[in-house]
N, C-alpha and C. Protein backbone atom coordinates (compact mmCIF):
# COMPACT_ATOMS: atom_id res chain seq x y z
N MET A 1 -71.24 -17.19 10.18
CA MET A 1 -71.34 -15.91 10.81
C MET A 1 -70.48 -15.87 12.08
N ILE A 2 -70.56 -16.91 12.86
CA ILE A 2 -69.78 -16.96 14.10
C ILE A 2 -68.29 -16.89 13.79
N GLU A 3 -67.86 -17.58 12.75
CA GLU A 3 -66.45 -17.54 12.37
C GLU A 3 -66.03 -16.13 11.95
N ALA A 4 -66.90 -15.42 11.26
CA ALA A 4 -66.59 -14.04 10.84
C ALA A 4 -66.44 -13.13 12.05
N VAL A 5 -67.34 -13.25 13.01
CA VAL A 5 -67.28 -12.44 14.23
C VAL A 5 -66.01 -12.77 15.01
N GLU A 6 -65.72 -14.05 15.15
CA GLU A 6 -64.52 -14.47 15.87
C GLU A 6 -63.25 -14.01 15.17
N ALA A 7 -63.25 -13.99 13.84
CA ALA A 7 -62.06 -13.53 13.11
C ALA A 7 -61.77 -12.06 13.41
N VAL A 8 -62.81 -11.23 13.48
CA VAL A 8 -62.62 -9.82 13.82
C VAL A 8 -62.10 -9.68 15.24
N ARG A 9 -62.68 -10.42 16.16
CA ARG A 9 -62.24 -10.36 17.55
C ARG A 9 -60.78 -10.81 17.68
N HIS A 10 -60.44 -11.90 17.02
CA HIS A 10 -59.06 -12.40 17.06
C HIS A 10 -58.11 -11.35 16.48
N ARG A 11 -58.48 -10.73 15.37
CA ARG A 11 -57.66 -9.70 14.73
C ARG A 11 -57.43 -8.53 15.70
N ALA A 12 -58.49 -8.09 16.35
CA ALA A 12 -58.38 -6.98 17.31
C ALA A 12 -57.47 -7.34 18.48
N LEU A 13 -57.65 -8.53 19.01
CA LEU A 13 -56.84 -8.96 20.15
C LEU A 13 -55.37 -9.12 19.76
N ARG A 14 -55.13 -9.70 18.61
CA ARG A 14 -53.74 -9.90 18.16
C ARG A 14 -53.04 -8.56 17.94
N ALA A 15 -53.74 -7.62 17.31
CA ALA A 15 -53.15 -6.31 17.04
C ALA A 15 -52.91 -5.52 18.32
N THR A 16 -53.91 -5.47 19.18
CA THR A 16 -53.77 -4.66 20.39
C THR A 16 -52.75 -5.27 21.36
N LYS A 17 -52.67 -6.58 21.41
CA LYS A 17 -51.66 -7.22 22.25
C LYS A 17 -50.26 -6.85 21.76
N ALA A 18 -50.05 -6.87 20.45
CA ALA A 18 -48.74 -6.52 19.89
C ALA A 18 -48.39 -5.06 20.20
N LEU A 19 -49.37 -4.17 20.10
CA LEU A 19 -49.12 -2.76 20.39
C LEU A 19 -48.84 -2.55 21.87
N ALA A 20 -49.59 -3.22 22.72
CA ALA A 20 -49.37 -3.09 24.17
C ALA A 20 -47.99 -3.63 24.56
N GLN A 21 -47.61 -4.77 23.99
CA GLN A 21 -46.30 -5.35 24.30
C GLN A 21 -45.17 -4.45 23.83
N ALA A 22 -45.40 -3.70 22.77
CA ALA A 22 -44.39 -2.77 22.25
C ALA A 22 -44.46 -1.41 22.95
N ASP A 23 -45.38 -1.29 23.89
CA ASP A 23 -45.57 -0.05 24.66
C ASP A 23 -45.89 1.14 23.75
N ILE A 24 -46.74 0.89 22.76
CA ILE A 24 -47.18 1.92 21.83
C ILE A 24 -48.60 2.35 22.22
N PRO A 25 -48.80 3.63 22.51
CA PRO A 25 -50.15 4.08 22.85
C PRO A 25 -51.10 3.90 21.65
N TYR A 26 -52.28 3.39 21.92
CA TYR A 26 -53.27 3.15 20.88
C TYR A 26 -54.65 3.22 21.53
N ALA A 27 -55.66 3.29 20.68
CA ALA A 27 -57.05 3.15 21.15
C ALA A 27 -57.86 2.56 20.02
N VAL A 28 -58.59 1.51 20.31
CA VAL A 28 -59.52 0.95 19.33
C VAL A 28 -60.67 1.93 19.21
N THR A 29 -61.09 2.16 17.99
CA THR A 29 -62.18 3.09 17.73
C THR A 29 -63.17 2.41 16.79
N GLY A 30 -64.07 3.16 16.19
CA GLY A 30 -65.02 2.59 15.25
C GLY A 30 -66.00 1.63 15.89
N GLY A 31 -66.46 0.67 15.11
CA GLY A 31 -67.49 -0.26 15.54
C GLY A 31 -67.11 -1.10 16.75
N ASN A 32 -65.84 -1.46 16.87
CA ASN A 32 -65.42 -2.24 18.03
C ASN A 32 -65.46 -1.42 19.31
N ALA A 33 -65.12 -0.15 19.23
CA ALA A 33 -65.22 0.72 20.41
C ALA A 33 -66.69 0.93 20.78
N VAL A 34 -67.53 1.14 19.77
CA VAL A 34 -68.96 1.28 20.05
C VAL A 34 -69.47 0.01 20.73
N ALA A 35 -69.10 -1.14 20.21
CA ALA A 35 -69.54 -2.42 20.80
C ALA A 35 -69.09 -2.54 22.26
N ALA A 36 -67.86 -2.11 22.55
CA ALA A 36 -67.37 -2.19 23.93
C ALA A 36 -68.19 -1.27 24.84
N TRP A 37 -68.52 -0.07 24.37
CA TRP A 37 -69.34 0.84 25.18
C TRP A 37 -70.75 0.30 25.35
N VAL A 38 -71.35 -0.18 24.28
CA VAL A 38 -72.71 -0.71 24.33
C VAL A 38 -72.77 -1.91 25.26
N ALA A 39 -71.78 -2.78 25.20
CA ALA A 39 -71.76 -3.99 26.03
C ALA A 39 -71.73 -3.67 27.52
N ARG A 40 -71.24 -2.51 27.87
CA ARG A 40 -71.22 -2.11 29.28
C ARG A 40 -72.64 -1.91 29.83
N VAL A 41 -73.56 -1.61 28.91
CA VAL A 41 -74.95 -1.33 29.32
C VAL A 41 -75.88 -2.48 28.96
N ASP A 42 -75.75 -3.01 27.73
CA ASP A 42 -76.67 -4.04 27.25
C ASP A 42 -75.97 -4.91 26.21
N ARG A 43 -75.47 -6.05 26.65
CA ARG A 43 -74.74 -6.94 25.73
C ARG A 43 -75.58 -7.38 24.54
N ALA A 44 -76.90 -7.49 24.74
CA ALA A 44 -77.78 -7.92 23.65
C ALA A 44 -77.88 -6.86 22.55
N ALA A 45 -77.50 -5.63 22.84
CA ALA A 45 -77.60 -4.55 21.85
C ALA A 45 -76.32 -4.37 21.03
N VAL A 46 -75.32 -5.20 21.28
CA VAL A 46 -74.05 -5.07 20.56
C VAL A 46 -74.24 -5.45 19.09
N ARG A 47 -73.67 -4.61 18.23
CA ARG A 47 -73.71 -4.82 16.78
C ARG A 47 -72.33 -5.27 16.32
N ASN A 48 -72.27 -6.26 15.46
CA ASN A 48 -70.99 -6.74 14.95
C ASN A 48 -70.43 -5.79 13.90
N THR A 49 -69.12 -5.85 13.72
CA THR A 49 -68.44 -5.04 12.72
C THR A 49 -67.44 -5.91 11.99
N GLN A 50 -67.04 -5.51 10.80
CA GLN A 50 -66.19 -6.39 9.99
C GLN A 50 -64.71 -6.03 10.02
N ASP A 51 -64.36 -4.85 10.53
CA ASP A 51 -62.95 -4.48 10.54
C ASP A 51 -62.55 -3.99 11.92
N VAL A 52 -61.29 -3.66 12.06
CA VAL A 52 -60.76 -3.16 13.32
C VAL A 52 -60.11 -1.80 13.03
N ASP A 53 -60.60 -0.76 13.69
CA ASP A 53 -60.03 0.58 13.53
C ASP A 53 -59.22 0.90 14.78
N ILE A 54 -57.97 1.30 14.56
CA ILE A 54 -57.09 1.62 15.68
C ILE A 54 -56.49 3.01 15.47
N LEU A 55 -56.60 3.81 16.52
CA LEU A 55 -56.07 5.16 16.54
C LEU A 55 -54.65 5.13 17.12
N ILE A 56 -53.72 5.76 16.41
CA ILE A 56 -52.33 5.86 16.87
C ILE A 56 -51.82 7.27 16.57
N ARG A 57 -50.65 7.59 17.11
CA ARG A 57 -49.96 8.82 16.71
C ARG A 57 -49.25 8.55 15.38
N ARG A 58 -49.31 9.51 14.47
CA ARG A 58 -48.61 9.34 13.18
C ARG A 58 -47.12 9.07 13.42
N SER A 59 -46.55 9.71 14.42
CA SER A 59 -45.12 9.52 14.69
C SER A 59 -44.79 8.09 15.14
N ASP A 60 -45.78 7.32 15.52
CA ASP A 60 -45.57 5.92 15.94
C ASP A 60 -45.76 4.91 14.81
N LEU A 61 -46.03 5.39 13.59
CA LEU A 61 -46.36 4.45 12.51
C LEU A 61 -45.26 3.42 12.26
N ALA A 62 -44.01 3.82 12.26
CA ALA A 62 -42.93 2.85 12.01
C ALA A 62 -42.91 1.78 13.11
N ALA A 63 -43.06 2.19 14.35
CA ALA A 63 -43.07 1.23 15.46
C ALA A 63 -44.31 0.33 15.39
N VAL A 64 -45.45 0.91 15.01
CA VAL A 64 -46.68 0.14 14.85
C VAL A 64 -46.49 -0.89 13.75
N THR A 65 -45.91 -0.48 12.64
CA THR A 65 -45.67 -1.39 11.52
C THR A 65 -44.80 -2.56 11.96
N PHE A 66 -43.72 -2.25 12.66
CA PHE A 66 -42.83 -3.31 13.14
C PHE A 66 -43.58 -4.26 14.08
N ALA A 67 -44.33 -3.70 15.03
CA ALA A 67 -45.05 -4.53 16.01
C ALA A 67 -46.09 -5.42 15.33
N LEU A 68 -46.85 -4.86 14.41
CA LEU A 68 -47.92 -5.65 13.77
C LEU A 68 -47.35 -6.66 12.77
N GLU A 69 -46.32 -6.28 12.06
CA GLU A 69 -45.71 -7.25 11.14
C GLU A 69 -45.06 -8.40 11.92
N SER A 70 -44.59 -8.12 13.13
CA SER A 70 -43.95 -9.18 13.92
C SER A 70 -44.94 -10.24 14.38
N VAL A 71 -46.25 -9.93 14.34
CA VAL A 71 -47.26 -10.93 14.69
C VAL A 71 -48.05 -11.38 13.46
N GLY A 72 -47.46 -11.14 12.27
CA GLY A 72 -48.01 -11.72 11.06
C GLY A 72 -48.88 -10.83 10.19
N PHE A 73 -49.09 -9.58 10.57
CA PHE A 73 -49.87 -8.68 9.71
C PHE A 73 -49.01 -8.21 8.54
N HIS A 74 -49.70 -7.78 7.47
CA HIS A 74 -49.03 -7.30 6.26
C HIS A 74 -49.46 -5.86 5.99
N PHE A 75 -48.49 -4.95 5.98
CA PHE A 75 -48.74 -3.53 5.76
C PHE A 75 -49.21 -3.28 4.33
N ARG A 76 -50.23 -2.43 4.20
CA ARG A 76 -50.68 -1.94 2.89
C ARG A 76 -51.20 -0.53 3.08
N GLU A 77 -51.04 0.27 2.05
CA GLU A 77 -51.71 1.56 2.01
C GLU A 77 -52.60 1.52 0.78
N ILE A 78 -53.90 1.61 1.03
CA ILE A 78 -54.88 1.46 -0.04
C ILE A 78 -55.74 2.71 -0.08
N LEU A 79 -55.67 3.42 -1.20
CA LEU A 79 -56.43 4.67 -1.37
C LEU A 79 -56.19 5.64 -0.22
N GLY A 80 -54.95 5.72 0.23
CA GLY A 80 -54.59 6.64 1.29
C GLY A 80 -54.87 6.15 2.69
N VAL A 81 -55.39 4.94 2.83
CA VAL A 81 -55.69 4.37 4.15
C VAL A 81 -54.62 3.34 4.50
N VAL A 82 -53.98 3.54 5.64
CA VAL A 82 -53.00 2.57 6.13
C VAL A 82 -53.76 1.43 6.77
N CYS A 83 -53.44 0.22 6.33
CA CYS A 83 -54.09 -0.94 6.93
C CYS A 83 -53.10 -2.10 7.04
N PHE A 84 -53.49 -3.04 7.87
CA PHE A 84 -52.69 -4.24 8.07
C PHE A 84 -53.59 -5.44 7.83
N LEU A 85 -53.21 -6.24 6.84
CA LEU A 85 -53.98 -7.40 6.42
C LEU A 85 -53.48 -8.66 7.12
N ASP A 86 -54.38 -9.62 7.30
CA ASP A 86 -54.00 -10.91 7.89
C ASP A 86 -53.05 -11.67 6.98
N THR A 87 -53.31 -11.63 5.68
CA THR A 87 -52.45 -12.28 4.69
C THR A 87 -52.27 -11.31 3.54
N PRO A 88 -51.26 -11.50 2.71
CA PRO A 88 -51.08 -10.57 1.58
C PRO A 88 -52.28 -10.51 0.64
N ASP A 89 -53.09 -11.56 0.61
CA ASP A 89 -54.24 -11.62 -0.29
C ASP A 89 -55.57 -11.28 0.39
N SER A 90 -55.53 -10.90 1.66
CA SER A 90 -56.78 -10.58 2.37
C SER A 90 -57.46 -9.37 1.77
N HIS A 91 -58.76 -9.30 1.96
CA HIS A 91 -59.53 -8.15 1.50
C HIS A 91 -59.33 -6.99 2.48
N PRO A 92 -59.18 -5.77 1.99
CA PRO A 92 -58.96 -4.62 2.88
C PRO A 92 -60.06 -4.40 3.92
N ARG A 93 -61.28 -4.84 3.65
CA ARG A 93 -62.32 -4.64 4.66
C ARG A 93 -62.12 -5.58 5.85
N ASP A 94 -61.36 -6.66 5.64
CA ASP A 94 -61.03 -7.60 6.72
C ASP A 94 -59.63 -7.28 7.23
N ALA A 95 -59.45 -6.07 7.75
CA ALA A 95 -58.11 -5.63 8.11
C ALA A 95 -58.15 -4.78 9.37
N VAL A 96 -56.97 -4.44 9.82
CA VAL A 96 -56.80 -3.42 10.85
C VAL A 96 -56.57 -2.12 10.09
N HIS A 97 -57.45 -1.15 10.30
CA HIS A 97 -57.32 0.17 9.66
C HIS A 97 -56.75 1.14 10.68
N ILE A 98 -55.80 1.93 10.24
CA ILE A 98 -55.14 2.89 11.12
C ILE A 98 -55.71 4.28 10.90
N LEU A 99 -56.05 4.93 12.01
CA LEU A 99 -56.43 6.34 12.00
C LEU A 99 -55.38 7.08 12.83
N PHE A 100 -55.10 8.30 12.43
CA PHE A 100 -54.08 9.07 13.13
C PHE A 100 -54.72 10.06 14.09
N ALA A 101 -54.23 10.06 15.32
CA ALA A 101 -54.76 10.91 16.37
C ALA A 101 -54.65 12.38 16.00
N ASN A 102 -55.69 13.12 16.35
CA ASN A 102 -55.75 14.58 16.14
C ASN A 102 -55.63 15.00 14.68
N GLU A 103 -56.02 14.13 13.76
CA GLU A 103 -55.99 14.48 12.34
C GLU A 103 -57.36 14.23 11.74
N LYS A 104 -57.70 15.02 10.75
CA LYS A 104 -58.95 14.80 10.04
C LYS A 104 -58.77 13.59 9.13
N VAL A 105 -59.76 12.69 9.14
CA VAL A 105 -59.71 11.51 8.27
C VAL A 105 -59.84 11.96 6.82
N ARG A 106 -60.69 12.95 6.58
CA ARG A 106 -60.87 13.55 5.26
C ARG A 106 -60.77 15.06 5.42
N PRO A 107 -60.24 15.73 4.41
CA PRO A 107 -60.05 17.19 4.55
C PRO A 107 -61.35 17.96 4.83
N ASP A 108 -62.47 17.46 4.34
CA ASP A 108 -63.74 18.18 4.52
C ASP A 108 -64.43 17.87 5.85
N TYR A 109 -63.87 17.00 6.67
CA TYR A 109 -64.47 16.67 7.96
C TYR A 109 -64.45 17.89 8.88
N VAL A 110 -65.47 18.02 9.69
CA VAL A 110 -65.60 19.13 10.61
C VAL A 110 -64.58 19.06 11.74
N ALA A 111 -64.30 17.87 12.23
CA ALA A 111 -63.44 17.71 13.40
C ALA A 111 -62.40 16.61 13.15
N PRO A 112 -61.29 16.72 13.85
CA PRO A 112 -60.27 15.66 13.75
C PRO A 112 -60.66 14.46 14.61
N THR A 113 -59.86 13.42 14.50
CA THR A 113 -60.04 12.24 15.34
C THR A 113 -59.70 12.60 16.79
N ALA A 114 -59.90 11.66 17.66
CA ALA A 114 -59.60 11.85 19.08
C ALA A 114 -58.09 11.98 19.29
N ASP A 115 -57.75 12.53 20.43
CA ASP A 115 -56.37 12.54 20.88
C ASP A 115 -56.06 11.15 21.44
N ILE A 116 -54.83 10.72 21.35
CA ILE A 116 -54.46 9.39 21.83
C ILE A 116 -54.68 9.25 23.34
N ASN A 117 -54.71 10.36 24.05
CA ASN A 117 -54.94 10.31 25.49
C ASN A 117 -56.42 10.23 25.86
N GLU A 118 -57.30 10.37 24.88
CA GLU A 118 -58.74 10.26 25.13
C GLU A 118 -59.17 8.80 25.00
N ARG A 119 -58.71 8.00 25.93
CA ARG A 119 -58.97 6.55 25.87
C ARG A 119 -59.20 6.01 27.27
N VAL A 120 -59.86 4.89 27.30
CA VAL A 120 -60.12 4.18 28.55
C VAL A 120 -59.85 2.70 28.32
N THR A 121 -59.69 1.99 29.40
CA THR A 121 -59.47 0.55 29.30
C THR A 121 -60.82 -0.15 29.27
N ALA A 122 -61.00 -0.98 28.26
CA ALA A 122 -62.20 -1.82 28.15
C ALA A 122 -61.81 -3.22 28.62
N GLN A 123 -62.68 -4.16 28.39
CA GLN A 123 -62.43 -5.52 28.86
C GLN A 123 -61.15 -6.11 28.26
N ASP A 124 -60.95 -5.92 26.96
CA ASP A 124 -59.84 -6.58 26.28
C ASP A 124 -58.73 -5.67 25.80
N TYR A 125 -59.01 -4.37 25.66
CA TYR A 125 -58.03 -3.45 25.11
C TYR A 125 -58.45 -2.02 25.37
N GLU A 126 -57.59 -1.09 25.00
CA GLU A 126 -57.87 0.33 25.15
C GLU A 126 -58.85 0.76 24.06
N ILE A 127 -59.82 1.60 24.43
CA ILE A 127 -60.79 2.12 23.46
C ILE A 127 -60.88 3.63 23.60
N VAL A 128 -61.35 4.28 22.56
CA VAL A 128 -61.57 5.73 22.60
C VAL A 128 -62.67 6.00 23.62
N ASP A 129 -62.46 7.03 24.43
CA ASP A 129 -63.45 7.42 25.43
C ASP A 129 -64.76 7.80 24.73
N LEU A 130 -65.85 7.77 25.48
CA LEU A 130 -67.18 7.90 24.88
C LEU A 130 -67.40 9.22 24.15
N GLN A 131 -67.12 10.35 24.77
CA GLN A 131 -67.40 11.63 24.10
C GLN A 131 -66.59 11.81 22.81
N PRO A 132 -65.28 11.54 22.79
CA PRO A 132 -64.57 11.65 21.52
C PRO A 132 -65.03 10.62 20.48
N LEU A 133 -65.46 9.45 20.93
CA LEU A 133 -65.99 8.45 20.00
C LEU A 133 -67.27 8.98 19.35
N VAL A 134 -68.16 9.54 20.15
CA VAL A 134 -69.39 10.12 19.60
C VAL A 134 -69.05 11.25 18.64
N ARG A 135 -68.08 12.10 19.01
CA ARG A 135 -67.66 13.18 18.11
C ARG A 135 -67.16 12.62 16.77
N MET A 136 -66.38 11.55 16.81
CA MET A 136 -65.87 10.96 15.58
C MET A 136 -67.00 10.39 14.73
N LYS A 137 -67.97 9.73 15.38
CA LYS A 137 -69.11 9.18 14.65
C LYS A 137 -69.96 10.29 14.04
N LEU A 138 -70.14 11.39 14.77
CA LEU A 138 -70.89 12.52 14.24
C LEU A 138 -70.14 13.20 13.09
N THR A 139 -68.82 13.17 13.14
CA THR A 139 -68.02 13.79 12.09
C THR A 139 -68.14 13.01 10.79
N SER A 140 -67.98 11.70 10.84
CA SER A 140 -68.08 10.92 9.59
C SER A 140 -69.52 10.76 9.15
N PHE A 141 -70.41 10.48 10.07
CA PHE A 141 -71.87 10.48 9.89
C PHE A 141 -72.37 9.68 8.69
N ARG A 142 -71.65 8.61 8.33
CA ARG A 142 -72.16 7.70 7.31
C ARG A 142 -73.33 6.92 7.91
N ARG A 143 -74.02 6.15 7.12
CA ARG A 143 -75.17 5.39 7.63
C ARG A 143 -74.76 4.49 8.81
N LYS A 144 -73.61 3.80 8.68
CA LYS A 144 -73.22 2.92 9.78
C LYS A 144 -72.85 3.72 11.02
N ASP A 145 -72.30 4.91 10.85
CA ASP A 145 -72.01 5.76 12.01
C ASP A 145 -73.31 6.20 12.68
N GLN A 146 -74.30 6.52 11.88
CA GLN A 146 -75.61 6.90 12.42
C GLN A 146 -76.22 5.73 13.19
N MET A 147 -76.08 4.52 12.66
CA MET A 147 -76.61 3.34 13.36
C MET A 147 -75.89 3.13 14.69
N HIS A 148 -74.57 3.32 14.69
CA HIS A 148 -73.82 3.20 15.95
C HIS A 148 -74.30 4.24 16.96
N LEU A 149 -74.52 5.45 16.50
CA LEU A 149 -75.03 6.50 17.38
C LEU A 149 -76.42 6.16 17.90
N LEU A 150 -77.27 5.65 17.02
CA LEU A 150 -78.62 5.25 17.45
C LEU A 150 -78.58 4.11 18.46
N ASP A 151 -77.63 3.19 18.30
CA ASP A 151 -77.46 2.13 19.28
C ASP A 151 -77.13 2.73 20.65
N MET A 152 -76.22 3.70 20.66
CA MET A 152 -75.84 4.33 21.93
C MET A 152 -76.98 5.14 22.53
N ILE A 153 -77.78 5.78 21.67
CA ILE A 153 -78.95 6.52 22.14
C ILE A 153 -79.98 5.56 22.72
N SER A 154 -80.21 4.45 22.04
CA SER A 154 -81.28 3.52 22.45
C SER A 154 -81.06 2.92 23.83
N ILE A 155 -79.80 2.85 24.26
CA ILE A 155 -79.53 2.27 25.59
C ILE A 155 -79.16 3.33 26.63
N GLY A 156 -79.26 4.59 26.24
CA GLY A 156 -79.05 5.67 27.19
C GLY A 156 -77.61 6.13 27.39
N LEU A 157 -76.68 5.64 26.59
CA LEU A 157 -75.31 6.14 26.69
C LEU A 157 -75.22 7.60 26.24
N VAL A 158 -76.05 7.93 25.27
CA VAL A 158 -76.13 9.30 24.74
C VAL A 158 -77.57 9.74 24.87
N ASP A 159 -77.77 10.96 25.37
CA ASP A 159 -79.14 11.44 25.57
C ASP A 159 -79.27 12.92 25.19
N SER A 160 -80.37 13.53 25.56
CA SER A 160 -80.67 14.90 25.15
C SER A 160 -79.71 15.93 25.71
N THR A 161 -78.88 15.56 26.67
CA THR A 161 -77.90 16.51 27.21
C THR A 161 -76.63 16.57 26.36
N TRP A 162 -76.48 15.66 25.43
CA TRP A 162 -75.24 15.55 24.67
C TRP A 162 -75.03 16.59 23.57
N PRO A 163 -76.04 17.07 22.86
CA PRO A 163 -75.75 18.01 21.78
C PRO A 163 -74.94 19.23 22.21
N GLU A 164 -75.14 19.70 23.42
CA GLU A 164 -74.41 20.88 23.88
C GLU A 164 -72.91 20.64 24.05
N LYS A 165 -72.48 19.39 23.97
CA LYS A 165 -71.06 19.06 24.12
C LYS A 165 -70.26 19.27 22.84
N PHE A 166 -70.96 19.54 21.74
CA PHE A 166 -70.30 19.58 20.43
C PHE A 166 -70.52 20.91 19.74
N GLU A 167 -69.67 21.17 18.77
CA GLU A 167 -69.81 22.38 17.95
C GLU A 167 -71.11 22.28 17.15
N PRO A 168 -71.62 23.40 16.62
CA PRO A 168 -72.98 23.42 16.03
C PRO A 168 -73.28 22.37 14.96
N THR A 169 -72.38 22.13 14.02
CA THR A 169 -72.67 21.15 12.96
C THR A 169 -72.89 19.76 13.56
N LEU A 170 -72.00 19.36 14.46
CA LEU A 170 -72.12 18.04 15.07
C LEU A 170 -73.31 17.98 16.02
N SER A 171 -73.55 19.07 16.73
CA SER A 171 -74.70 19.15 17.62
C SER A 171 -76.01 18.96 16.84
N ASP A 172 -76.10 19.61 15.68
CA ASP A 172 -77.30 19.49 14.84
C ASP A 172 -77.50 18.05 14.36
N ARG A 173 -76.41 17.40 13.98
CA ARG A 173 -76.51 16.01 13.53
C ARG A 173 -77.02 15.11 14.65
N LEU A 174 -76.50 15.31 15.85
CA LEU A 174 -76.93 14.50 16.97
C LEU A 174 -78.39 14.79 17.31
N GLN A 175 -78.76 16.05 17.26
CA GLN A 175 -80.15 16.41 17.58
C GLN A 175 -81.11 15.78 16.58
N GLN A 176 -80.72 15.68 15.31
CA GLN A 176 -81.56 15.00 14.30
C GLN A 176 -81.83 13.56 14.73
N LEU A 177 -80.82 12.87 15.17
CA LEU A 177 -80.99 11.48 15.58
C LEU A 177 -81.81 11.37 16.85
N LEU A 178 -81.61 12.27 17.76
CA LEU A 178 -82.40 12.26 19.00
C LEU A 178 -83.86 12.56 18.72
N ASN A 179 -84.12 13.48 17.78
CA ASN A 179 -85.49 13.87 17.44
C ASN A 179 -86.24 12.79 16.68
N ASP A 180 -85.51 12.04 15.86
CA ASP A 180 -86.16 11.06 14.99
C ASP A 180 -85.32 9.78 14.93
N PRO A 181 -85.28 9.01 16.02
CA PRO A 181 -84.44 7.82 16.05
C PRO A 181 -84.85 6.72 15.05
N GLU A 182 -86.04 6.79 14.54
CA GLU A 182 -86.50 5.80 13.55
C GLU A 182 -86.19 6.22 12.12
N GLY A 183 -85.70 7.45 11.95
CA GLY A 183 -85.33 7.92 10.61
C GLY A 183 -86.49 8.41 9.84
């Protein structure tokens, strides 16, 4: 288990260092961004994740590909998802997944991803700022996204004042979690 956690951390650090050295704007999002926010309040509440999600501008994809391949990653597009694998034979879930700033991940999503400028510096790399991260989690709203939101609610990062920050569909989803955090 420790090796699996360390592999994700190493992957995130290697990718973000390459992007920073190439002066490419990026923001880590997904479970790693949630973990960075949660760790600011309660390190014991941090949940591990198996992949690395990085937000970039679509126009930077060629530069991102060059930067990540130069540190040993392997470009793949799998089912419409751009990812970078550690080795050509790596499993896609053990990869760096690319999300494009200001674009909907799926056509039916209520809201697009964050803007590349909606980021802050965390301990090791740039992460999506809290409000756009919550918006992204509310937009996808899969079980793991709900768990990430509940983690943030449980430590007070997100509270009863937050639903008013979002459009009605996302506000309703957040209010459901606030009303019934145990499910």
